[in-house]
């Protein structure tokens, strides 16, 4: 399922923690598999989190910690496809509940991949991403 992320509630905010090593090891093989994964698994979880946020007045943030992750396992196209699927699913909502997306312990290779692919990411996403 989604063994690569957990979440906790802190001060009216759901904070999603992404375990990048597990994500990289278990990511879909290609963009078609990414579409299936998003449709069958990830989007329903996101919808449930979003519903809780709406009902309770919470916001969301996401923390991606790259410490110890083997970045060479990352399939950039698959990750971009997952992000795009999430964006396409939620772009027509009146309010984007995600308030921040922090990437921790990013090495120079990951930063280079990120900056090279920013033009492929939705604008709201590039404006939310910060490095710590």
Protein backbone atom coordinates (compact mmCIF):
# COMPACT_ATOMS: atom_id res chain seq x y z
CA UNK A 1 0.00 0.00 0.00
CA UNK A 2 1.68 3.25 1.11
CA UNK A 3 4.27 2.03 3.56
CA UNK A 4 6.43 4.99 2.62
CA UNK A 5 4.43 7.67 4.35
CA UNK A 6 2.99 8.33 7.77
CA UNK A 7 1.19 11.30 9.21
CA UNK A 8 0.60 13.02 12.52
CA UNK A 9 -1.61 15.84 13.73
CA UNK A 10 0.21 18.84 15.18
CA UNK A 11 -1.59 22.06 16.10
CA UNK A 12 -4.46 21.93 13.58
CA UNK A 13 -2.18 20.59 10.86
CA UNK A 14 -1.71 17.13 9.40
CA UNK A 15 1.99 16.63 8.79
CA UNK A 16 2.79 13.91 6.26
CA UNK A 17 6.24 12.32 6.58
CA UNK A 18 7.66 10.56 3.53
CA UNK A 19 10.19 7.77 4.05
CA UNK A 20 12.13 8.25 0.84
CA UNK A 21 14.16 5.06 1.00
CA UNK A 22 10.99 2.93 1.11
CA UNK A 23 9.41 5.11 -1.59
CA UNK A 24 12.42 4.71 -3.87
CA UNK A 25 12.59 0.95 -3.27
CA UNK A 26 8.87 0.35 -3.87
CA UNK A 27 8.00 3.08 -6.41
CA UNK A 28 5.98 2.11 -9.47
CA UNK A 29 8.11 0.78 -12.33
CA UNK A 30 6.89 3.18 -15.01
CA UNK A 31 4.41 6.00 -15.58
CA UNK A 32 1.55 3.61 -16.38
CA UNK A 33 2.08 1.82 -13.07
CA UNK A 34 2.27 5.23 -11.39
CA UNK A 35 -1.15 6.12 -12.81
CA UNK A 36 -2.62 2.85 -11.51
CA UNK A 37 -0.99 3.32 -8.10
CA UNK A 38 -2.36 6.85 -7.82
CA UNK A 39 -5.87 5.83 -8.87
CA UNK A 40 -6.17 2.72 -6.71
CA UNK A 41 -4.14 3.62 -3.62
CA UNK A 42 -2.75 7.12 -3.22
CA UNK A 43 -5.67 9.31 -4.34
CA UNK A 44 -8.17 7.58 -2.00
CA UNK A 45 -5.81 8.17 0.95
CA UNK A 46 -5.35 11.81 -0.06
CA UNK A 47 -9.12 12.21 -0.32
CA UNK A 48 -9.57 10.81 3.19
CA UNK A 49 -6.92 13.15 4.60
CA UNK A 50 -8.48 16.08 2.75
CA UNK A 51 -11.93 15.24 4.15
CA UNK A 52 -10.56 15.18 7.70
CA UNK A 53 -8.88 18.55 7.07
CA UNK A 54 -12.10 20.08 5.78
CA UNK A 55 -14.20 18.69 8.63
CA UNK A 56 -11.77 19.70 11.38
CA UNK A 57 -10.36 22.89 9.84
CA UNK A 58 -6.84 21.46 9.53
CA UNK A 59 -4.20 22.28 6.95
CA UNK A 60 -1.57 19.89 5.57
CA UNK A 61 2.15 19.96 5.13
CA UNK A 62 4.61 17.39 3.91
CA UNK A 63 8.16 16.64 5.04
CA UNK A 64 10.44 14.61 2.81
CA UNK A 65 13.63 13.62 4.58
CA UNK A 66 16.34 12.30 2.26
CA UNK A 67 18.78 11.31 5.01
CA UNK A 68 20.17 7.89 4.17
CA UNK A 69 18.12 7.51 0.98
CA UNK A 70 19.81 6.12 -2.13
CA UNK A 71 18.84 8.86 -4.59
CA UNK A 72 20.07 6.75 -7.50
CA UNK A 73 16.98 4.55 -7.05
CA UNK A 74 14.68 7.49 -7.82
CA UNK A 75 12.80 7.29 -11.10
CA UNK A 76 12.31 11.00 -11.80
CA UNK A 77 9.57 10.48 -14.41
CA UNK A 78 7.56 8.26 -12.06
CA UNK A 79 7.82 10.80 -9.24
CA UNK A 80 6.79 13.66 -11.53
CA UNK A 81 3.85 11.54 -12.77
CA UNK A 82 2.70 10.91 -9.20
CA UNK A 83 2.92 14.63 -8.38
CA UNK A 84 1.06 15.50 -11.59
CA UNK A 85 -1.69 12.97 -10.82
CA UNK A 86 -2.13 14.46 -7.35
CA UNK A 87 -2.23 17.95 -8.83
CA UNK A 88 -4.74 17.03 -11.54
CA UNK A 89 -6.96 15.39 -8.96
CA UNK A 90 -7.02 18.41 -6.66
CA UNK A 91 -6.49 21.45 -8.91
CA UNK A 92 -10.17 22.41 -9.10
CA UNK A 93 -10.66 22.52 -5.36
CA UNK A 94 -11.53 25.93 -3.94
CA UNK A 95 -8.61 25.84 -1.54
CA UNK A 96 -5.41 23.89 -1.74
CA UNK A 97 -5.04 22.42 1.74
CA UNK A 98 -1.31 21.77 1.37
CA UNK A 99 0.48 24.69 3.00
CA UNK A 100 4.08 23.54 2.81
CA UNK A 101 6.36 20.93 1.31
CA UNK A 102 9.79 20.72 2.93
CA UNK A 103 12.69 18.64 1.65
CA UNK A 104 15.31 17.85 4.28
CA UNK A 105 18.87 16.61 3.84
CA UNK A 106 18.90 16.97 0.05
CA UNK A 107 22.27 16.35 -1.54
CA UNK A 108 23.54 18.18 -4.60
CA UNK A 109 22.33 15.40 -6.95
CA UNK A 110 18.76 15.66 -5.69
CA UNK A 111 18.81 19.46 -5.83
CA UNK A 112 20.09 19.29 -9.42
CA UNK A 113 17.29 16.84 -10.35
CA UNK A 114 14.76 19.10 -8.67
CA UNK A 115 15.91 22.29 -10.38
CA UNK A 116 16.13 20.51 -13.74
CA UNK A 117 12.56 19.27 -13.43
CA UNK A 118 10.85 22.32 -11.92
CA UNK A 119 9.37 23.32 -15.25
CA UNK A 120 7.52 19.98 -15.28
CA UNK A 121 5.95 20.51 -11.85
CA UNK A 122 2.72 22.42 -11.27
CA UNK A 123 3.40 26.07 -10.37
CA UNK A 124 1.76 25.81 -6.97
CA UNK A 125 4.10 22.93 -6.12
CA UNK A 126 7.30 24.76 -7.01
CA UNK A 127 6.15 27.69 -4.87
CA UNK A 128 5.53 25.42 -1.85
CA UNK A 129 8.80 23.47 -1.90
CA UNK A 130 11.53 24.57 0.47
CA UNK A 131 14.84 22.97 1.37
CA UNK A 132 16.01 22.61 4.96
